[in-house]
Amino acid sequence: GEMMTLKVVQKGKEPGQGLAYLPDGTMIVVEDGGELLGREVTVKVVRLLQSSAGKMIFARQNNGQTG
């Protein structure tokens, strides 16, 4: 549920996804973020996956709603 502000830098593998990266290289998949390319947005972390390739964070754009 952590909030963070980041810049969507490319489209994701799945339709509608946007990708952003933390300074340490961690990839953040922004759900419904494909239309936000090049924009800085505030997102809420919804899931964290740890794999052999590193961490992957899934987040949703914060639109002021809770839950």
PDB file of N, CA and C in Angstrom:
ATOM      1  N   GLY A   1       0.782  -1.214   0.000  1.00  0.00           N
ATOM      2  CA  GLY A   1       0.000   0.000   0.000  1.00  0.00           C
ATOM      3  C   GLY A   1       0.820   1.274   0.000  1.00  0.00           C
ATOM      4  N   GLU A   2       2.132   1.159  -0.180  1.00  0.00           N
ATOM      5  CA  GLU A   2       2.989   2.343  -0.190  1.00  0.00           C
ATOM      6  C   GLU A   2       2.700   3.218  -1.412  1.00  0.00           C
ATOM      7  N   MET A   3       2.766   4.528  -1.219  1.00  0.00           N
ATOM      8  CA  MET A   3       2.571   5.478  -2.315  1.00  0.00           C
ATOM      9  C   MET A   3       3.933   5.943  -2.810  1.00  0.00           C
ATOM     10  N   MET A   4       4.055   6.147  -4.113  1.00  0.00           N
ATOM     11  CA  MET A   4       5.294   6.690  -4.675  1.00  0.00           C
ATOM     12  C   MET A   4       4.981   7.476  -5.940  1.00  0.00           C
ATOM     13  N   THR A   5       5.835   8.425  -6.234  1.00  0.00           N
ATOM     14  CA  THR A   5       5.695   9.206  -7.449  1.00  0.00           C
ATOM     15  C   THR A   5       6.796   8.785  -8.397  1.00  0.00           C
ATOM     16  N   LEU A   6       6.434   8.495  -9.641  1.00  0.00           N
ATOM     17  CA  LEU A   6       7.410   8.026 -10.613  1.00  0.00           C
ATOM     18  C   LEU A   6       6.986   8.429 -12.012  1.00  0.00           C
ATOM     19  N   LYS A   7       7.901   8.256 -12.952  1.00  0.00           N
ATOM     20  CA  LYS A   7       7.639   8.608 -14.344  1.00  0.00           C
ATOM     21  C   LYS A   7       7.491   7.333 -15.168  1.00  0.00           C
ATOM     22  N   VAL A   8       6.378   7.219 -15.883  1.00  0.00           N
ATOM     23  CA  VAL A   8       6.138   6.070 -16.761  1.00  0.00           C
ATOM     24  C   VAL A   8       6.999   6.269 -18.006  1.00  0.00           C
ATOM     25  N   VAL A   9       7.910   5.322 -18.268  1.00  0.00           N
ATOM     26  CA  VAL A   9       8.887   5.507 -19.341  1.00  0.00           C
ATOM     27  C   VAL A   9       8.649   4.640 -20.573  1.00  0.00           C
ATOM     28  N   GLN A  10       7.842   3.588 -20.442  1.00  0.00           N
ATOM     29  CA  GLN A  10       7.549   2.762 -21.616  1.00  0.00           C
ATOM     30  C   GLN A  10       6.293   1.952 -21.384  1.00  0.00           C
ATOM     31  N   LYS A  11       5.761   1.395 -22.473  1.00  0.00           N
ATOM     32  CA  LYS A  11       4.578   0.533 -22.370  1.00  0.00           C
ATOM     33  C   LYS A  11       5.007  -0.847 -21.899  1.00  0.00           C
ATOM     34  N   GLY A  12       4.094  -1.504 -21.190  1.00  0.00           N
ATOM     35  CA  GLY A  12       4.372  -2.837 -20.678  1.00  0.00           C
ATOM     36  C   GLY A  12       4.074  -3.916 -21.694  1.00  0.00           C
ATOM     37  N   LYS A  13       4.316  -5.157 -21.285  1.00  0.00           N
ATOM     38  CA  LYS A  13       4.096  -6.309 -22.159  1.00  0.00           C
ATOM     39  C   LYS A  13       2.613  -6.535 -22.430  1.00  0.00           C
ATOM     40  N   GLU A  14       1.793  -6.342 -21.399  1.00  0.00           N
ATOM     41  CA  GLU A  14       0.356  -6.529 -21.535  1.00  0.00           C
ATOM     42  C   GLU A  14      -0.308  -5.214 -21.942  1.00  0.00           C
ATOM     43  N   PRO A  15      -1.421  -5.284 -22.674  1.00  0.00           N
ATOM     44  CA  PRO A  15      -2.120  -4.053 -23.067  1.00  0.00           C
ATOM     45  C   PRO A  15      -2.513  -3.222 -21.848  1.00  0.00           C
ATOM     46  N   GLY A  16      -2.287  -1.927 -21.941  1.00  0.00           N
ATOM     47  CA  GLY A  16      -2.676  -1.016 -20.879  1.00  0.00           C
ATOM     48  C   GLY A  16      -1.640  -0.810 -19.790  1.00  0.00           C
ATOM     49  N   GLN A  17      -0.581  -1.611 -19.769  1.00  0.00           N
ATOM     50  CA  GLN A  17       0.430  -1.464 -18.738  1.00  0.00           C
ATOM     51  C   GLN A  17       1.454  -0.397 -19.117  1.00  0.00           C
ATOM     52  N   GLY A  18       1.952   0.282 -18.092  1.00  0.00           N
ATOM     53  CA  GLY A  18       3.068   1.195 -18.260  1.00  0.00           C
ATOM     54  C   GLY A  18       4.195   0.738 -17.357  1.00  0.00           C
ATOM     55  N   LEU A  19       5.439   1.052 -17.733  1.00  0.00           N
ATOM     56  CA  LEU A  19       6.587   0.657 -16.927  1.00  0.00           C
ATOM     57  C   LEU A  19       7.342   1.868 -16.430  1.00  0.00           C
ATOM     58  N   ALA A  20       7.826   1.734 -15.191  1.00  0.00           N
ATOM     59  CA  ALA A  20       8.690   2.742 -14.598  1.00  0.00           C
ATOM     60  C   ALA A  20       9.790   1.992 -13.853  1.00  0.00           C
ATOM     61  N   TYR A  21      10.849   2.686 -13.491  1.00  0.00           N
ATOM     62  CA  TYR A  21      11.969   2.041 -12.809  1.00  0.00           C
ATOM     63  C   TYR A  21      12.413   2.880 -11.628  1.00  0.00           C
ATOM     64  N   LEU A  22      12.756   2.208 -10.540  1.00  0.00           N
ATOM     65  CA  LEU A  22      13.350   2.880  -9.398  1.00  0.00           C
ATOM     66  C   LEU A  22      14.832   3.114  -9.689  1.00  0.00           C
ATOM     67  N   PRO A  23      15.480   4.013  -8.937  1.00  0.00           N
ATOM     68  CA  PRO A  23      16.912   4.258  -9.166  1.00  0.00           C
ATOM     69  C   PRO A  23      17.787   3.000  -9.068  1.00  0.00           C
ATOM     70  N   ASP A  24      17.350   2.005  -8.276  1.00  0.00           N
ATOM     71  CA  ASP A  24      18.133   0.767  -8.151  1.00  0.00           C
ATOM     72  C   ASP A  24      17.840  -0.230  -9.270  1.00  0.00           C
ATOM     73  N   GLY A  25      16.984   0.151 -10.234  1.00  0.00           N
ATOM     74  CA  GLY A  25      16.694  -0.717 -11.367  1.00  0.00           C
ATOM     75  C   GLY A  25      15.450  -1.571 -11.210  1.00  0.00           C
ATOM     76  N   THR A  26      14.807  -1.517 -10.046  1.00  0.00           N
ATOM     77  CA  THR A  26      13.583  -2.291  -9.835  1.00  0.00           C
ATOM     78  C   THR A  26      12.512  -1.835 -10.810  1.00  0.00           C
ATOM     79  N   MET A  27      11.897  -2.796 -11.501  1.00  0.00           N
ATOM     80  CA  MET A  27      10.850  -2.469 -12.461  1.00  0.00           C
ATOM     81  C   MET A  27       9.505  -2.351 -11.755  1.00  0.00           C
ATOM     82  N   ILE A  28       8.760  -1.314 -12.115  1.00  0.00           N
ATOM     83  CA  ILE A  28       7.419  -1.106 -11.590  1.00  0.00           C
ATOM     84  C   ILE A  28       6.443  -1.170 -12.746  1.00  0.00           C
ATOM     85  N   VAL A  29       5.494  -2.099 -12.643  1.00  0.00           N
ATOM     86  CA  VAL A  29       4.442  -2.232 -13.647  1.00  0.00           C
ATOM     87  C   VAL A  29       3.250  -1.422 -13.156  1.00  0.00           C
ATOM     88  N   VAL A  30       2.868  -0.398 -13.923  1.00  0.00           N
ATOM     89  CA  VAL A  30       1.741   0.450 -13.551  1.00  0.00           C
ATOM     90  C   VAL A  30       0.514  -0.050 -14.311  1.00  0.00           C
ATOM     91  N   GLU A  31      -0.427  -0.634 -13.582  1.00  0.00           N
ATOM     92  CA  GLU A  31      -1.648  -1.140 -14.189  1.00  0.00           C
ATOM     93  C   GLU A  31      -2.454   0.029 -14.744  1.00  0.00           C
ATOM     94  N   ASP A  32      -2.982  -0.116 -15.926  1.00  0.00           N
ATOM     95  CA  ASP A  32      -3.705   0.954 -16.633  1.00  0.00           C
ATOM     96  C   ASP A  32      -2.819   2.182 -16.823  1.00  0.00           C
ATOM     97  N   GLY A  33      -1.517   1.965 -16.979  1.00  0.00           N
ATOM     98  CA  GLY A  33      -0.579   3.074 -17.112  1.00  0.00           C
ATOM     99  C   GLY A  33      -0.065   3.282 -18.521  1.00  0.00           C
ATOM    100  N   GLY A  34      -0.569   2.525 -19.478  1.00  0.00           N
ATOM    101  CA  GLY A  34      -0.089   2.632 -20.850  1.00  0.00           C
ATOM    102  C   GLY A  34      -0.321   3.993 -21.471  1.00  0.00           C
ATOM    103  N   GLU A  35      -1.374   4.675 -21.038  1.00  0.00           N
ATOM    104  CA  GLU A  35      -1.690   5.999 -21.582  1.00  0.00           C
ATOM    105  C   GLU A  35      -0.940   7.114 -20.858  1.00  0.00           C
ATOM    106  N   LEU A  36      -0.135   6.744 -19.860  1.00  0.00           N
ATOM    107  CA  LEU A  36       0.569   7.738 -19.044  1.00  0.00           C
ATOM    108  C   LEU A  36       2.018   7.906 -19.463  1.00  0.00           C
ATOM    109  N   LEU A  37       2.378   7.378 -20.607  1.00  0.00           N
ATOM    110  CA  LEU A  37       3.758   7.407 -21.085  1.00  0.00           C
ATOM    111  C   LEU A  37       4.323   8.823 -21.042  1.00  0.00           C
ATOM    112  N   GLY A  38       5.485   8.967 -20.390  1.00  0.00           N
ATOM    113  CA  GLY A  38       6.148  10.257 -20.303  1.00  0.00           C
ATOM    114  C   GLY A  38       5.642  11.151 -19.190  1.00  0.00           C
ATOM    115  N   ARG A  39       4.640  10.705 -18.461  1.00  0.00           N
ATOM    116  CA  ARG A  39       4.068  11.527 -17.384  1.00  0.00           C
ATOM    117  C   ARG A  39       4.531  11.049 -16.017  1.00  0.00           C
ATOM    118  N   GLU A  40       4.621  11.972 -15.081  1.00  0.00           N
ATOM    119  CA  GLU A  40       4.937  11.638 -13.704  1.00  0.00           C
ATOM    120  C   GLU A  40       3.615  11.446 -12.965  1.00  0.00           C
ATOM    121  N   VAL A  41       3.470  10.325 -12.293  1.00  0.00           N
ATOM    122  CA  VAL A  41       2.218  10.002 -11.616  1.00  0.00           C
ATOM    123  C   VAL A  41       2.497   9.480 -10.211  1.00  0.00           C
ATOM    124  N   THR A  42       1.495   9.580  -9.354  1.00  0.00           N
ATOM    125  CA  THR A  42       1.566   8.996  -8.024  1.00  0.00           C
ATOM    126  C   THR A  42       0.818   7.676  -8.072  1.00  0.00           C
ATOM    127  N   VAL A  43       1.472   6.623  -7.612  1.00  0.00           N
ATOM    128  CA  VAL A  43       0.878   5.284  -7.652  1.00  0.00           C
ATOM    129  C   VAL A  43       0.878   4.667  -6.268  1.00  0.00           C
ATOM    130  N   LYS A  44       0.028   3.653  -6.115  1.00  0.00           N
ATOM    131  CA  LYS A  44      -0.049   2.884  -4.879  1.00  0.00           C
ATOM    132  C   LYS A  44       0.391   1.462  -5.192  1.00  0.00           C
ATOM    133  N   VAL A  45       1.333   0.946  -4.413  1.00  0.00           N
ATOM    134  CA  VAL A  45       1.827  -0.421  -4.608  1.00  0.00           C
ATOM    135  C   VAL A  45       0.731  -1.402  -4.225  1.00  0.00           C
ATOM    136  N   VAL A  46       0.455  -2.357  -5.136  1.00  0.00           N
ATOM    137  CA  VAL A  46      -0.565  -3.364  -4.851  1.00  0.00           C
ATOM    138  C   VAL A  46       0.029  -4.762  -4.681  1.00  0.00           C
ATOM    139  N   ARG A  47       1.225  -5.004  -5.221  1.00  0.00           N
ATOM    140  CA  ARG A  47       1.839  -6.325  -5.170  1.00  0.00           C
ATOM    141  C   ARG A  47       3.341  -6.210  -5.356  1.00  0.00           C
ATOM    142  N   LEU A  48       4.070  -7.115  -4.732  1.00  0.00           N
ATOM    143  CA  LEU A  48       5.522  -7.168  -4.877  1.00  0.00           C
ATOM    144  C   LEU A  48       5.921  -8.609  -5.153  1.00  0.00           C
ATOM    145  N   LEU A  49       6.668  -8.813  -6.228  1.00  0.00           N
ATOM    146  CA  LEU A  49       7.154 -10.158  -6.549  1.00  0.00           C
ATOM    147  C   LEU A  49       8.671 -10.170  -6.449  1.00  0.00           C
ATOM    148  N   GLN A  50       9.207 -11.193  -5.814  1.00  0.00           N
ATOM    149  CA  GLN A  50      10.655 -11.375  -5.741  1.00  0.00           C
ATOM    150  C   GLN A  50      10.996 -12.594  -6.582  1.00  0.00           C
ATOM    151  N   SER A  51      11.857 -12.394  -7.577  1.00  0.00           N
ATOM    152  CA  SER A  51      12.262 -13.527  -8.424  1.00  0.00           C
ATOM    153  C   SER A  51      13.786 -13.566  -8.490  1.00  0.00           C
ATOM    154  N   SER A  52      14.300 -14.561  -9.178  1.00  0.00           N
ATOM    155  CA  SER A  52      15.751 -14.665  -9.317  1.00  0.00           C
ATOM    156  C   SER A  52      16.321 -13.481 -10.095  1.00  0.00           C
ATOM    157  N   ALA A  53      15.484 -12.848 -10.918  1.00  0.00           N
ATOM    158  CA  ALA A  53      15.923 -11.693 -11.695  1.00  0.00           C
ATOM    159  C   ALA A  53      15.839 -10.390 -10.895  1.00  0.00           C
ATOM    160  N   GLY A  54      15.251 -10.443  -9.694  1.00  0.00           N
ATOM    161  CA  GLY A  54      15.121  -9.256  -8.864  1.00  0.00           C
ATOM    162  C   GLY A  54      13.680  -8.983  -8.492  1.00  0.00           C
ATOM    163  N   LYS A  55      13.452  -7.800  -7.944  1.00  0.00           N
ATOM    164  CA  LYS A  55      12.109  -7.417  -7.507  1.00  0.00           C
ATOM    165  C   LYS A  55      11.314  -6.833  -8.662  1.00  0.00           C
ATOM    166  N   MET A  56      10.016  -7.062  -8.612  1.00  0.00           N
ATOM    167  CA  MET A  56       9.086  -6.462  -9.552  1.00  0.00           C
ATOM    168  C   MET A  56       7.918  -5.947  -8.732  1.00  0.00           C
ATOM    169  N   ILE A  57       7.574  -4.687  -8.925  1.00  0.00           N
ATOM    170  CA  ILE A  57       6.491  -4.069  -8.167  1.00  0.00           C
ATOM    171  C   ILE A  57       5.323  -3.798  -9.102  1.00  0.00           C
ATOM    172  N   PHE A  58       4.123  -4.130  -8.648  1.00  0.00           N
ATOM    173  CA  PHE A  58       2.906  -3.818  -9.396  1.00  0.00           C
ATOM    174  C   PHE A  58       2.189  -2.707  -8.657  1.00  0.00           C
ATOM    175  N   ALA A  59       1.758  -1.691  -9.400  1.00  0.00           N
ATOM    176  CA  ALA A  59       1.134  -0.529  -8.773  1.00  0.00           C
ATOM    177  C   ALA A  59      -0.029  -0.046  -9.621  1.00  0.00           C
ATOM    178  N   ARG A  60      -0.900   0.748  -8.992  1.00  0.00           N
ATOM    179  CA  ARG A  60      -2.026   1.374  -9.674  1.00  0.00           C
ATOM    180  C   ARG A  60      -1.928   2.864  -9.480  1.00  0.00           C
ATOM    181  N   GLN A  61      -2.376   3.603 -10.476  1.00  0.00           N
ATOM    182  CA  GLN A  61      -2.387   5.049 -10.362  1.00  0.00           C
ATOM    183  C   GLN A  61      -3.293   5.443  -9.211  1.00  0.00           C
ATOM    184  N   ASN A  62      -2.830   6.388  -8.419  1.00  0.00           N
ATOM    185  CA  ASN A  62      -3.618   6.882  -7.299  1.00  0.00           C
ATOM    186  C   ASN A  62      -4.594   7.916  -7.813  1.00  0.00           C
ATOM    187  N   ASN A  63      -5.869   7.597  -7.726  1.00  0.00           N
ATOM    188  CA  ASN A  63      -6.874   8.542  -8.212  1.00  0.00           C
ATOM    189  C   ASN A  63      -7.683   9.123  -7.067  1.00  0.00           C
ATOM    190  N   GLY A  64      -7.124   9.054  -5.850  1.00  0.00           N
ATOM    191  CA  GLY A  64      -7.797   9.643  -4.714  1.00  0.00           C
ATOM    192  C   GLY A  64      -8.776   8.720  -4.023  1.00  0.00           C
ATOM    193  N   GLN A  65      -9.006   7.539  -4.575  1.00  0.00           N
ATOM    194  CA  GLN A  65      -9.934   6.596  -3.964  1.00  0.00           C
ATOM    195  C   GLN A  65      -9.153   5.637  -3.078  1.00  0.00           C
ATOM    196  N   THR A  66      -9.805   5.076  -2.084  1.00  0.00           N
ATOM    197  CA  THR A  66      -9.157   4.096  -1.218  1.00  0.00           C
ATOM    198  C   THR A  66      -9.758   2.732  -1.472  1.00  0.00           C
ATOM    199  N   GLY A  67      -8.980   1.692  -1.103  1.00  0.00           N
ATOM    200  CA  GLY A  67      -9.499   0.343  -1.240  1.00  0.00           C
ATOM    201  C   GLY A  67      -9.053  -0.285  -2.413  1.00  0.00           C
TER     202      GLY A  67
END
